[in-house]
C-alpha atoms as a PDB file:
ATOM      1  CA  MET A   1     -19.584 -38.028   3.297  1.00  0.00           C
ATOM      2  CA  THR A   2     -22.919 -37.415   1.495  1.00  0.00           C
ATOM      3  CA  SER A   3     -24.877 -36.431   4.219  1.00  0.00           C
ATOM      4  CA  ILE A   4     -21.695 -34.305   5.294  1.00  0.00           C
ATOM      5  CA  ARG A   5     -22.261 -32.442   1.620  1.00  0.00           C
ATOM      6  CA  ASP A   6     -25.755 -32.074   1.936  1.00  0.00           C
ATOM      7  CA  ALA A   7     -25.462 -30.466   5.239  1.00  0.00           C
ATOM      8  CA  ALA A   8     -22.566 -27.862   4.095  1.00  0.00           C
ATOM      9  CA  GLY A   9     -24.981 -27.195   1.058  1.00  0.00           C
ATOM     10  CA  ARG A  10     -28.200 -26.442   3.021  1.00  0.00           C
ATOM     11  CA  ARG A  11     -25.817 -24.326   5.446  1.00  0.00           C
ATOM     12  CA  ARG A  12     -24.327 -22.570   2.625  1.00  0.00           C
ATOM     13  CA  GLY A  13     -28.183 -22.181   0.878  1.00  0.00           C
ATOM     14  CA  MET A  14     -29.255 -21.102   4.107  1.00  0.00           C
ATOM     15  CA  ILE A  15     -26.564 -18.114   4.207  1.00  0.00           C
ATOM     16  CA  GLY A  16     -26.995 -17.303   0.672  1.00  0.00           C
ATOM     17  CA  ALA A  17     -30.628 -16.864   1.168  1.00  0.00           C
ATOM     18  CA  ALA A  18     -30.913 -14.600   4.152  1.00  0.00           C
ATOM     19  CA  THR A  19     -27.708 -12.345   2.543  1.00  0.00           C
ATOM     20  CA  ALA A  20     -29.381 -11.971  -0.806  1.00  0.00           C
ATOM     21  CA  MET A  21     -33.581 -10.823   0.902  1.00  0.00           C
ATOM     22  CA  PHE A  22     -31.130  -8.970   3.534  1.00  0.00           C
ATOM     23  CA  CYS A  23     -29.281  -6.687   0.779  1.00  0.00           C
ATOM     24  CA  VAL A  24     -32.628  -6.290  -1.467  1.00  0.00           C
ATOM     25  CA  GLY A  25     -34.246  -5.086   1.596  1.00  0.00           C
ATOM     26  CA  THR A  26     -31.078  -2.161   1.694  1.00  0.00           C
ATOM     27  CA  LEU A  27     -32.641  -0.915  -1.378  1.00  0.00           C
ATOM     28  CA  THR A  28     -35.154   1.026   0.667  1.00  0.00           C
ATOM     29  CA  GLY A  29     -32.010   3.086   1.918  1.00  0.00           C
ATOM     30  CA  VAL A  30     -30.433   4.291  -0.824  1.00  0.00           C
ATOM     31  CA  SER A  31     -33.767   5.288  -2.804  1.00  0.00           C
ATOM     32  CA  PRO A  32     -34.116   8.735  -1.516  1.00  0.00           C
ATOM     33  CA  ALA A  33     -31.096   9.672  -3.461  1.00  0.00           C
ATOM     34  CA  LEU A  34     -32.713   8.488  -6.314  1.00  0.00           C
ATOM     35  CA  HIS A  35     -36.151  10.279  -6.315  1.00  0.00           C
ATOM     36  CA  ALA A  36     -35.435  12.972  -9.056  1.00  0.00           C
ATOM     37  CA  TYR A  37     -33.781  10.220 -10.867  1.00  0.00           C
ATOM     38  CA  PRO A  38     -36.197   9.103 -13.907  1.00  0.00           C
ATOM     39  CA  VAL A  39     -37.307   5.934 -12.272  1.00  0.00           C
ATOM     40  CA  TYR A  40     -37.292   3.397 -15.624  1.00  0.00           C
ATOM     41  CA  GLY A  41     -33.876   4.564 -16.912  1.00  0.00           C
ATOM     42  CA  GLY A  42     -32.353   4.303 -13.533  1.00  0.00           C
ATOM     43  CA  GLN A  43     -33.418   0.655 -13.444  1.00  0.00           C
ATOM     44  CA  ALA A  44     -32.223  -0.055 -16.949  1.00  0.00           C
ATOM     45  CA  VAL A  45     -28.723   1.791 -15.729  1.00  0.00           C
ATOM     46  CA  ARG A  46     -28.588  -0.765 -12.636  1.00  0.00           C
ATOM     47  CA  TYR A  47     -29.624  -4.276 -14.511  1.00  0.00           C
ATOM     48  CA  ALA A  48     -26.241  -3.006 -17.400  1.00  0.00           C
ATOM     49  CA  ALA A  49     -23.807  -2.549 -14.550  1.00  0.00           C
ATOM     50  CA  GLY A  50     -25.081  -5.506 -12.533  1.00  0.00           C
ATOM     51  CA  ALA A  51     -24.765  -7.444 -15.774  1.00  0.00           C
ATOM     52  CA  ILE A  52     -21.441  -6.177 -16.755  1.00  0.00           C
ATOM     53  CA  LEU A  53     -20.237  -7.043 -13.513  1.00  0.00           C
ATOM     54  CA  LEU A  54     -21.993 -10.668 -13.506  1.00  0.00           C
ATOM     55  CA  PHE A  55     -20.222 -11.214 -16.609  1.00  0.00           C
ATOM     56  CA  ALA A  56     -16.525 -10.476 -15.774  1.00  0.00           C
ATOM     57  CA  VAL A  57     -17.067 -12.593 -12.402  1.00  0.00           C
ATOM     58  CA  ALA A  58     -17.965 -15.198 -14.784  1.00  0.00           C
ATOM     59  CA  ARG A  59     -14.899 -14.589 -16.809  1.00  0.00           C
ATOM     60  CA  ALA A  60     -12.739 -14.574 -14.355  1.00  0.00           C
ATOM     61  CA  ARG A  61     -13.981 -17.858 -12.961  1.00  0.00           C
ATOM     62  CA  ARG A  62     -13.347 -19.545 -16.553  1.00  0.00           C
ATOM     63  CA  LEU A  63     -16.808 -20.531 -17.095  1.00  0.00           C
ATOM     64  CA  PRO A  64     -17.176 -21.449 -20.657  1.00  0.00           C
ATOM     65  CA  PRO A  65     -19.752 -20.246 -22.921  1.00  0.00           C
ATOM     66  CA  LEU A  66     -23.199 -22.068 -23.469  1.00  0.00           C
ATOM     67  CA  ARG A  67     -25.447 -21.685 -26.295  1.00  0.00           C
ATOM     68  CA  LEU A  68     -28.662 -21.264 -25.136  1.00  0.00           C
ATOM     69  CA  SER A  69     -31.541 -23.515 -26.253  1.00  0.00           C
ATOM     70  CA  ALA A  70     -34.793 -22.146 -27.753  1.00  0.00           C
ATOM     71  CA  ARG A  71     -36.459 -22.941 -24.386  1.00  0.00           C
ATOM     72  CA  GLU A  72     -33.878 -21.502 -22.067  1.00  0.00           C
ATOM     73  CA  VAL A  73     -33.706 -18.175 -24.347  1.00  0.00           C
ATOM     74  CA  LEU A  74     -37.596 -18.036 -23.861  1.00  0.00           C
ATOM     75  CA  LEU A  75     -37.417 -18.561 -19.958  1.00  0.00           C
ATOM     76  CA  VAL A  76     -34.640 -15.804 -19.787  1.00  0.00           C
ATOM     77  CA  VAL A  77     -37.198 -13.593 -21.311  1.00  0.00           C
ATOM     78  CA  LEU A  78     -39.832 -14.218 -19.337  1.00  0.00           C
ATOM     79  CA  LEU A  79     -37.673 -14.115 -15.700  1.00  0.00           C
ATOM     80  CA  ALA A  80     -36.338 -10.872 -17.322  1.00  0.00           C
ATOM     81  CA  LEU A  81     -39.488  -9.237 -18.057  1.00  0.00           C
ATOM     82  CA  VAL A  82     -42.050 -10.899 -15.325  1.00  0.00           C
ATOM     83  CA  GLY A  83     -38.879 -10.866 -12.636  1.00  0.00           C
ATOM     84  CA  LEU A  84     -37.095  -8.096 -13.124  1.00  0.00           C
ATOM     85  CA  ALA A  85     -39.144  -5.485 -15.190  1.00  0.00           C
ATOM     86  CA  ALA A  86     -42.677  -5.897 -14.761  1.00  0.00           C
ATOM     87  CA  PHE A  87     -41.719  -6.390 -11.083  1.00  0.00           C
ATOM     88  CA  ASN A  88     -39.971  -3.140 -10.521  1.00  0.00           C
ATOM     89  CA  VAL A  89     -42.931  -1.484 -12.893  1.00  0.00           C
ATOM     90  CA  PHE A  90     -45.716  -2.558 -10.509  1.00  0.00           C
ATOM     91  CA  ILE A  91     -43.787  -1.506  -7.230  1.00  0.00           C
ATOM     92  CA  VAL A  92     -43.375   1.976  -8.798  1.00  0.00           C
ATOM     93  CA  GLU A  93     -46.937   1.982  -9.838  1.00  0.00           C
ATOM     94  CA  SER A  94     -48.880   0.735  -6.964  1.00  0.00           C
ATOM     95  CA  THR A  95     -46.892   3.204  -4.644  1.00  0.00           C
ATOM     96  CA  ARG A  96     -48.747   6.081  -6.180  1.00  0.00           C
ATOM     97  CA  TYR A  97     -52.216   4.597  -5.332  1.00  0.00           C
ATOM     98  CA  ALA A  98     -51.041   2.759  -1.733  1.00  0.00           C
ATOM     99  CA  ASP A  99     -49.214   2.826   0.761  1.00  0.00           C
ATOM    100  CA  PRO A 100     -45.388   1.938   0.478  1.00  0.00           C
ATOM    101  CA  ALA A 101     -46.203  -0.169   3.670  1.00  0.00           C
ATOM    102  CA  MET A 102     -49.341  -2.115   2.271  1.00  0.00           C
ATOM    103  CA  VAL A 103     -47.431  -2.627  -1.288  1.00  0.00           C
ATOM    104  CA  GLY A 104     -44.621  -4.174   1.099  1.00  0.00           C
ATOM    105  CA  THR A 105     -47.212  -6.403   3.243  1.00  0.00           C
ATOM    106  CA  ILE A 106     -48.714  -7.371  -0.150  1.00  0.00           C
ATOM    107  CA  VAL A 107     -45.523  -8.771  -1.606  1.00  0.00           C
ATOM    108  CA  ALA A 108     -44.153  -9.932   1.751  1.00  0.00           C
ATOM    109  CA  THR A 109     -46.780 -12.779   1.630  1.00  0.00           C
ATOM    110  CA  VAL A 110     -44.625 -14.508  -1.424  1.00  0.00           C
ATOM    111  CA  PRO A 111     -43.233 -17.736   1.307  1.00  0.00           C
ATOM    112  CA  ILE A 112     -46.865 -18.551   1.492  1.00  0.00           C
ATOM    113  CA  ILE A 113     -47.105 -18.996  -1.904  1.00  0.00           C
ATOM    114  CA  PHE A 114     -44.305 -21.162  -2.246  1.00  0.00           C
ATOM    115  CA  ALA A 115     -45.056 -22.859   0.544  1.00  0.00           C
ATOM    116  CA  LEU A 116     -48.090 -23.830  -1.501  1.00  0.00           C
ATOM    117  CA  ALA A 117     -47.486 -23.961  -4.927  1.00  0.00           C
ATOM    118  CA  THR A 118     -43.990 -25.763  -4.892  1.00  0.00           C
ATOM    119  CA  PRO A 119     -45.464 -28.899  -3.408  1.00  0.00           C
ATOM    120  CA  LEU A 120     -48.360 -28.596  -5.831  1.00  0.00           C
ATOM    121  CA  MET A 121     -45.713 -28.132  -8.839  1.00  0.00           C
ATOM    122  CA  GLU A 122     -44.118 -31.264  -8.153  1.00  0.00           C
ATOM    123  CA  GLY A 123     -47.374 -33.470  -7.667  1.00  0.00           C
ATOM    124  CA  ARG A 124     -47.375 -33.615  -3.685  1.00  0.00           C
ATOM    125  CA  ARG A 125     -48.962 -32.235  -0.527  1.00  0.00           C
ATOM    126  CA  PRO A 126     -47.991 -28.546   0.852  1.00  0.00           C
ATOM    127  CA  THR A 127     -45.745 -30.018   3.661  1.00  0.00           C
ATOM    128  CA  PRO A 128     -48.106 -28.852   6.799  1.00  0.00           C
ATOM    129  CA  HIS A 129     -45.064 -27.004   9.473  1.00  0.00           C
ATOM    130  CA  VAL A 130     -43.608 -25.469   6.369  1.00  0.00           C
ATOM    131  CA  VAL A 131     -46.728 -23.602   5.510  1.00  0.00           C
ATOM    132  CA  ALA A 132     -47.440 -22.686   9.207  1.00  0.00           C
ATOM    133  CA  ALA A 133     -44.074 -21.180   8.880  1.00  0.00           C
ATOM    134  CA  ALA A 134     -44.608 -19.454   6.194  1.00  0.00           C
ATOM    135  CA  VAL A 135     -47.679 -17.417   7.337  1.00  0.00           C
ATOM    136  CA  LEU A 136     -45.408 -16.854  10.572  1.00  0.00           C
ATOM    137  CA  VAL A 137     -42.992 -15.369   8.476  1.00  0.00           C
ATOM    138  CA  ALA A 138     -45.361 -13.418   6.481  1.00  0.00           C
ATOM    139  CA  THR A 139     -46.931 -12.185   9.345  1.00  0.00           C
ATOM    140  CA  GLY A 140     -43.539 -11.005  11.316  1.00  0.00           C
ATOM    141  CA  ALA A 141     -43.022  -9.529   7.770  1.00  0.00           C
ATOM    142  CA  ALA A 142     -46.420  -7.701   7.956  1.00  0.00           C
ATOM    143  CA  VAL A 143     -46.080  -6.740  11.275  1.00  0.00           C
ATOM    144  CA  THR A 144     -42.565  -5.253  10.902  1.00  0.00           C
ATOM    145  CA  ILE A 145     -43.633  -2.939   7.492  1.00  0.00           C
ATOM    146  CA  GLY A 146     -46.826  -2.044   8.752  1.00  0.00           C
ATOM    147  CA  LEU A 147     -49.972  -2.122   7.276  1.00  0.00           C
ATOM    148  CA  GLY A 148     -50.411   0.894   5.276  1.00  0.00           C
ATOM    149  CA  ALA A 149     -53.462   2.085   2.959  1.00  0.00           C
ATOM    150  CA  ALA A 150     -54.229   1.521  -0.476  1.00  0.00           C
ATOM    151  CA  THR A 151     -56.940   2.044  -3.140  1.00  0.00           C
ATOM    152  CA  LEU A 152     -58.240  -1.096  -5.114  1.00  0.00           C
ATOM    153  CA  VAL A 153     -55.740  -0.096  -8.084  1.00  0.00           C
ATOM    154  CA  GLY A 154     -52.869  -0.029  -5.642  1.00  0.00           C
ATOM    155  CA  VAL A 155     -53.868  -3.561  -3.931  1.00  0.00           C
ATOM    156  CA  LEU A 156     -54.020  -4.928  -7.732  1.00  0.00           C
ATOM    157  CA  LEU A 157     -50.554  -3.457  -8.767  1.00  0.00           C
ATOM    158  CA  ALA A 158     -49.041  -4.821  -5.578  1.00  0.00           C
ATOM    159  CA  PHE A 159     -50.495  -8.464  -6.223  1.00  0.00           C
ATOM    160  CA  GLY A 160     -48.477  -7.556  -9.430  1.00  0.00           C
ATOM    161  CA  ALA A 161     -45.269  -7.037  -7.821  1.00  0.00           C
ATOM    162  CA  LEU A 162     -46.312 -10.462  -5.742  1.00  0.00           C
ATOM    163  CA  GLY A 163     -46.394 -12.431  -9.136  1.00  0.00           C
ATOM    164  CA  GLY A 164     -42.973 -10.565 -10.166  1.00  0.00           C
ATOM    165  CA  GLU A 165     -41.406 -11.614  -7.162  1.00  0.00           C
ATOM    166  CA  VAL A 166     -42.825 -15.441  -7.569  1.00  0.00           C
ATOM    167  CA  GLY A 167     -41.433 -15.287 -11.189  1.00  0.00           C
ATOM    168  CA  PHE A 168     -38.126 -14.388 -10.204  1.00  0.00           C
ATOM    169  CA  SER A 169     -37.677 -17.035  -8.272  1.00  0.00           C
ATOM    170  CA  LEU A 170     -39.914 -20.000 -10.315  1.00  0.00           C
ATOM    171  CA  LEU A 171     -38.805 -19.315 -13.161  1.00  0.00           C
ATOM    172  CA  ALA A 172     -34.883 -19.797 -12.980  1.00  0.00           C
ATOM    173  CA  ILE A 173     -35.562 -22.838 -11.492  1.00  0.00           C
ATOM    174  CA  PRO A 174     -35.506 -24.757 -14.617  1.00  0.00           C
ATOM    175  CA  LEU A 175     -32.133 -22.690 -15.885  1.00  0.00           C
ATOM    176  CA  LEU A 176     -29.875 -22.981 -13.020  1.00  0.00           C
ATOM    177  CA  PRO A 177     -29.355 -27.058 -13.004  1.00  0.00           C
ATOM    178  CA  ARG A 178     -27.391 -25.911 -16.166  1.00  0.00           C
ATOM    179  CA  LEU A 179     -26.494 -22.514 -16.646  1.00  0.00           C
ATOM    180  CA  GLY A 180     -25.763 -21.932 -12.727  1.00  0.00           C
ATOM    181  CA  ALA A 181     -25.795 -19.205 -10.418  1.00  0.00           C
ATOM    182  CA  ILE A 182     -23.781 -16.665 -12.358  1.00  0.00           C
ATOM    183  CA  ARG A 183     -25.312 -17.000 -15.573  1.00  0.00           C
ATOM    184  CA  VAL A 184     -29.076 -16.730 -14.554  1.00  0.00           C
ATOM    185  CA  ALA A 185     -28.027 -13.594 -12.888  1.00  0.00           C
ATOM    186  CA  ALA A 186     -26.216 -12.674 -15.687  1.00  0.00           C
ATOM    187  CA  TYR A 187     -28.875 -13.231 -18.372  1.00  0.00           C
ATOM    188  CA  SER A 188     -31.595 -12.033 -17.059  1.00  0.00           C
ATOM    189  CA  ALA A 189     -30.259  -8.859 -16.011  1.00  0.00           C
ATOM    190  CA  THR A 190     -28.854  -8.125 -19.341  1.00  0.00           C
ATOM    191  CA  ALA A 191     -32.313  -9.123 -20.863  1.00  0.00           C
ATOM    192  CA  ALA A 192     -34.351  -6.652 -18.643  1.00  0.00           C
ATOM    193  CA  VAL A 193     -32.495  -3.650 -19.970  1.00  0.00           C
ATOM    194  CA  PRO A 194     -33.746  -3.443 -23.185  1.00  0.00           C
ATOM    195  CA  LEU A 195     -37.620  -3.961 -21.369  1.00  0.00           C
ATOM    196  CA  LEU A 196     -36.664  -1.406 -19.033  1.00  0.00           C
ATOM    197  CA  LEU A 197     -35.416   1.244 -21.414  1.00  0.00           C
ATOM    198  CA  VAL A 198     -38.666   0.649 -23.670  1.00  0.00           C
ATOM    199  CA  ALA A 199     -40.920   1.219 -19.914  1.00  0.00           C
ATOM    200  CA  GLY A 200     -38.625   4.875 -19.832  1.00  0.00           C
ATOM    201  CA  PHE A 201     -39.405   5.840 -22.991  1.00  0.00           C
ATOM    202  CA  VAL A 202     -42.692   5.609 -22.930  1.00  0.00           C
ATOM    203  CA  VAL A 203     -43.104   7.289 -19.453  1.00  0.00           C
ATOM    204  CA  ASP A 204     -40.237   9.824 -19.482  1.00  0.00           C
ATOM    205  CA  GLY A 205     -39.505  10.239 -23.020  1.00  0.00           C
ATOM    206  CA  PRO A 206     -35.967  11.253 -24.262  1.00  0.00           C
ATOM    207  CA  GLY A 207     -34.999  12.700 -20.655  1.00  0.00           C
ATOM    208  CA  MET A 208     -35.317   8.863 -19.111  1.00  0.00           C
ATOM    209  CA  LEU A 209     -31.628   8.818 -19.044  1.00  0.00           C
ATOM    210  CA  ARG A 210     -29.532  11.455 -17.926  1.00  0.00           C
ATOM    211  CA  ALA A 211     -25.892  12.375 -16.036  1.00  0.00           C
ATOM    212  CA  PRO A 212     -26.519  11.572 -12.998  1.00  0.00           C
ATOM    213  CA  THR A 213     -25.097  13.534  -9.773  1.00  0.00           C
ATOM    214  CA  LEU A 214     -22.701  12.398  -7.060  1.00  0.00           C
ATOM    215  CA  PRO A 215     -25.062  10.961  -4.830  1.00  0.00           C
ATOM    216  CA  GLU A 216     -27.036   9.236  -7.665  1.00  0.00           C
ATOM    217  CA  ALA A 217     -24.019   7.370  -9.405  1.00  0.00           C
ATOM    218  CA  SER A 218     -23.436   6.257  -5.891  1.00  0.00           C
ATOM    219  CA  ALA A 219     -26.891   5.014  -5.098  1.00  0.00           C
ATOM    220  CA  LEU A 220     -26.913   3.549  -8.834  1.00  0.00           C
ATOM    221  CA  ALA A 221     -23.320   1.608  -8.130  1.00  0.00           C
ATOM    222  CA  TYR A 222     -24.717   0.746  -4.677  1.00  0.00           C
ATOM    223  CA  LEU A 223     -28.233  -0.831  -6.414  1.00  0.00           C
ATOM    224  CA  ALA A 224     -25.892  -2.699  -9.447  1.00  0.00           C
ATOM    225  CA  VAL A 225     -23.395  -4.015  -6.972  1.00  0.00           C
ATOM    226  CA  VAL A 226     -24.659  -5.224  -4.109  1.00  0.00           C
ATOM    227  CA  VAL A 227     -28.609  -5.353  -5.111  1.00  0.00           C
ATOM    228  CA  THR A 228     -28.258  -7.255  -8.471  1.00  0.00           C
ATOM    229  CA  ALA A 229     -24.715  -8.644  -8.918  1.00  0.00           C
ATOM    230  CA  PHE A 230     -24.224  -9.850  -5.184  1.00  0.00           C
ATOM    231  CA  ALA A 231     -27.855 -10.617  -4.155  1.00  0.00           C
ATOM    232  CA  PHE A 232     -29.078 -12.197  -7.376  1.00  0.00           C
ATOM    233  CA  PHE A 233     -26.222 -14.219  -7.763  1.00  0.00           C
ATOM    234  CA  CYS A 234     -26.671 -15.548  -3.655  1.00  0.00           C
ATOM    235  CA  TRP A 235     -30.492 -16.100  -4.453  1.00  0.00           C
ATOM    236  CA  TYR A 236     -29.657 -18.268  -7.481  1.00  0.00           C
ATOM    237  CA  ASP A 237     -27.136 -20.410  -5.303  1.00  0.00           C
ATOM    238  CA  ALA A 238     -29.326 -20.631  -2.472  1.00  0.00           C
ATOM    239  CA  LEU A 239     -32.673 -21.893  -4.644  1.00  0.00           C
ATOM    240  CA  PRO A 240     -31.322 -25.639  -6.139  1.00  0.00           C
ATOM    241  CA  ARG A 241     -29.956 -26.064  -2.318  1.00  0.00           C
ATOM    242  CA  LEU A 242     -33.536 -25.187  -0.597  1.00  0.00           C
ATOM    243  CA  GLY A 243     -35.720 -25.289  -2.923  1.00  0.00           C
ATOM    244  CA  PRO A 244     -38.074 -22.120  -3.447  1.00  0.00           C
ATOM    245  CA  GLU A 245     -40.419 -24.088  -0.467  1.00  0.00           C
ATOM    246  CA  ARG A 246     -38.039 -23.713   2.343  1.00  0.00           C
ATOM    247  CA  ALA A 247     -36.192 -20.528   0.656  1.00  0.00           C
ATOM    248  CA  GLY A 248     -39.243 -18.506   0.058  1.00  0.00           C
ATOM    249  CA  LEU A 249     -38.715 -18.308   4.279  1.00  0.00           C
ATOM    250  CA  PHE A 250     -35.853 -16.204   4.143  1.00  0.00           C
ATOM    251  CA  SER A 251     -37.831 -12.850   2.624  1.00  0.00           C
ATOM    252  CA  GLY A 252     -38.523 -12.381   6.028  1.00  0.00           C
ATOM    253  CA  PHE A 253     -35.186 -10.841   5.980  1.00  0.00           C
ATOM    254  CA  LEU A 254     -36.332  -8.274   3.437  1.00  0.00           C
ATOM    255  CA  PRO A 255     -37.844  -5.993   6.349  1.00  0.00           C
ATOM    256  CA  LEU A 256     -34.954  -7.096   8.589  1.00  0.00           C
ATOM    257  CA  GLY A 257     -32.437  -5.250   5.996  1.00  0.00           C
ATOM    258  CA  THR A 258     -34.484  -2.312   5.713  1.00  0.00           C
ATOM    259  CA  ILE A 259     -34.616  -1.626   9.399  1.00  0.00           C
ATOM    260  CA  ILE A 260     -30.292  -1.814   9.476  1.00  0.00           C
ATOM    261  CA  ALA A 261     -29.989   0.161   6.321  1.00  0.00           C
ATOM    262  CA  ALA A 262     -32.568   2.679   8.049  1.00  0.00           C
ATOM    263  CA  LEU A 263     -30.635   2.645  11.373  1.00  0.00           C
ATOM    264  CA  VAL A 264     -26.673   2.948   9.734  1.00  0.00           C
ATOM    265  CA  LEU A 265     -28.033   5.582   7.413  1.00  0.00           C
ATOM    266  CA  GLY A 266     -30.147   7.765  10.193  1.00  0.00           C
ATOM    267  CA  THR A 267     -33.158   7.595   8.415  1.00  0.00           C
ATOM    268  CA  GLY A 268     -35.178   6.192  10.798  1.00  0.00           C
ATOM    269  CA  ARG A 269     -35.519   4.544  14.693  1.00  0.00           C
ATOM    270  CA  PRO A 270     -37.096   0.925  14.677  1.00  0.00           C
ATOM    271  CA  GLY A 271     -39.896   0.416  17.688  1.00  0.00           C
ATOM    272  CA  TRP A 272     -41.288  -2.502  19.142  1.00  0.00           C
ATOM    273  CA  PRO A 273     -43.756  -3.459  16.263  1.00  0.00           C
ATOM    274  CA  GLU A 274     -40.153  -3.659  14.169  1.00  0.00           C
ATOM    275  CA  PHE A 275     -38.765  -6.362  17.172  1.00  0.00           C
ATOM    276  CA  LEU A 276     -41.725  -7.667  17.214  1.00  0.00           C
ATOM    277  CA  GLY A 277     -42.070  -8.754  13.759  1.00  0.00           C
ATOM    278  CA  ALA A 278     -38.090  -9.696  13.459  1.00  0.00           C
ATOM    279  CA  ALA A 279     -39.022 -12.381  16.673  1.00  0.00           C
ATOM    280  CA  LEU A 280     -41.995 -13.722  14.298  1.00  0.00           C
ATOM    281  CA  VAL A 281     -39.942 -13.942  11.138  1.00  0.00           C
ATOM    282  CA  VAL A 282     -36.923 -15.793  13.687  1.00  0.00           C
ATOM    283  CA  GLY A 283     -39.492 -18.172  14.690  1.00  0.00           C
ATOM    284  CA  GLY A 284     -40.805 -19.157  11.550  1.00  0.00           C
ATOM    285  CA  LEU A 285     -37.630 -20.012  10.037  1.00  0.00           C
ATOM    286  CA  LEU A 286     -36.452 -21.761  13.171  1.00  0.00           C
ATOM    287  CA  LEU A 287     -40.426 -23.808  12.600  1.00  0.00           C
ATOM    288  CA  GLY A 288     -39.738 -23.779   8.855  1.00  0.00           C
ATOM    289  CA  LEU A 289     -36.301 -25.277   8.388  1.00  0.00           C
ATOM    290  CA  GLN A 290     -36.886 -28.142  10.808  1.00  0.00           C
ATOM    291  CA  PRO A 291     -36.582 -31.439   8.664  1.00  0.00           C
ATOM    292  CA  ALA A 292     -40.214 -32.996   7.685  1.00  0.00           C
ATOM    293  CA  ARG A 293     -40.358 -36.663   8.945  1.00  0.00           C
ATOM    294  CA  VAL A 294     -42.512 -39.741   7.115  1.00  0.00           C
ATOM    295  CA  PRO A 295     -44.541 -42.205   9.161  1.00  0.00           C
ATOM    296  CA  VAL A 296     -42.288 -45.023  10.188  1.00  0.00           C
ATOM    297  CA  PRO A 297     -44.265 -48.691  11.419  1.00  0.00           C
ATOM    298  CA  ALA A 298     -44.097 -49.045  15.011  1.00  0.00           C
ATOM    299  CA  GLY A 299     -40.645 -49.829  16.330  1.00  0.00           C
ATOM    300  CA  ALA A 300     -38.879 -48.892  13.292  1.00  0.00           C
ATOM    301  CA  GLN A 301     -36.392 -45.632  13.361  1.00  0.00           C
ATOM    302  CA  PRO A 302     -37.613 -42.221  12.731  1.00  0.00           C
ATOM    303  CA  VAL A 303     -36.328 -41.377   8.823  1.00  0.00           C
ATOM    304  CA  GLU A 304     -35.482 -37.612   7.552  1.00  0.00           C
ATOM    305  CA  GLN A 305     -37.693 -36.683   4.696  1.00  0.00           C
ATOM    306  CA  PRO A 306     -35.326 -36.179   1.588  1.00  0.00           C
ATOM    307  CA  GLU A 307     -35.007 -32.318   0.447  1.00  0.00           C
END
């Protein structure tokens, strides 16, 4: 019975991680509608609306309120600062000095970071086939996105975005067992709002917020509902089920979401690099999700290593 529940949990985790990364990948399809809207003010509106929706879901599910410890408050603030606000700042600023494809390629190496860092943080060696799978997924994502060009400043800012992507997961892991996916997503989105408002005031001054046009309002609503509330919940629900080492492999779905969004919206047509990259991502996932096996004495039955 326990093995059945574990298998069901892994399936839910895989579906959730793939869904989350796919949804995040589609944001590039709606971004053109927000090119004229103040960037940081728009992100603050997005996270505020997403937080309201997440708190409404928590209330509907009758999740009891929890008093956060000082450590949990610190982790939530760091998560919002590093994984949400800083990530967005680095992404926006890096594209001023680097081709977006180069930025995407650097951020796409996140599966390799997870495959190496997670086991080392847990005091064990990296799993060889997971590391190989992470390299395959990152390569597939890079092929799909394209390499692009960049200045040194652009590369450094892109690595800052990569750090934000890593922090978005690793800083949430200690919070998830007690708070759960909905609360972690809601609290972090809420904490990101004032941080982004400060950044918006520094960059755009009082003009950081204005009434959006109908296309802008539609794009902000999509970001709030799908890319923030829904995708955040899916990702934070999947993390404890898979662990960041394997959940990180699903970041390969980011460029896949971008491709599908471009097809649906008519803003692009995939060619052979996109299909080759997608095939590499799928191959990496199939390799990385294979259960590891531990050495056993001769004549004994091999057993799967616990996740």
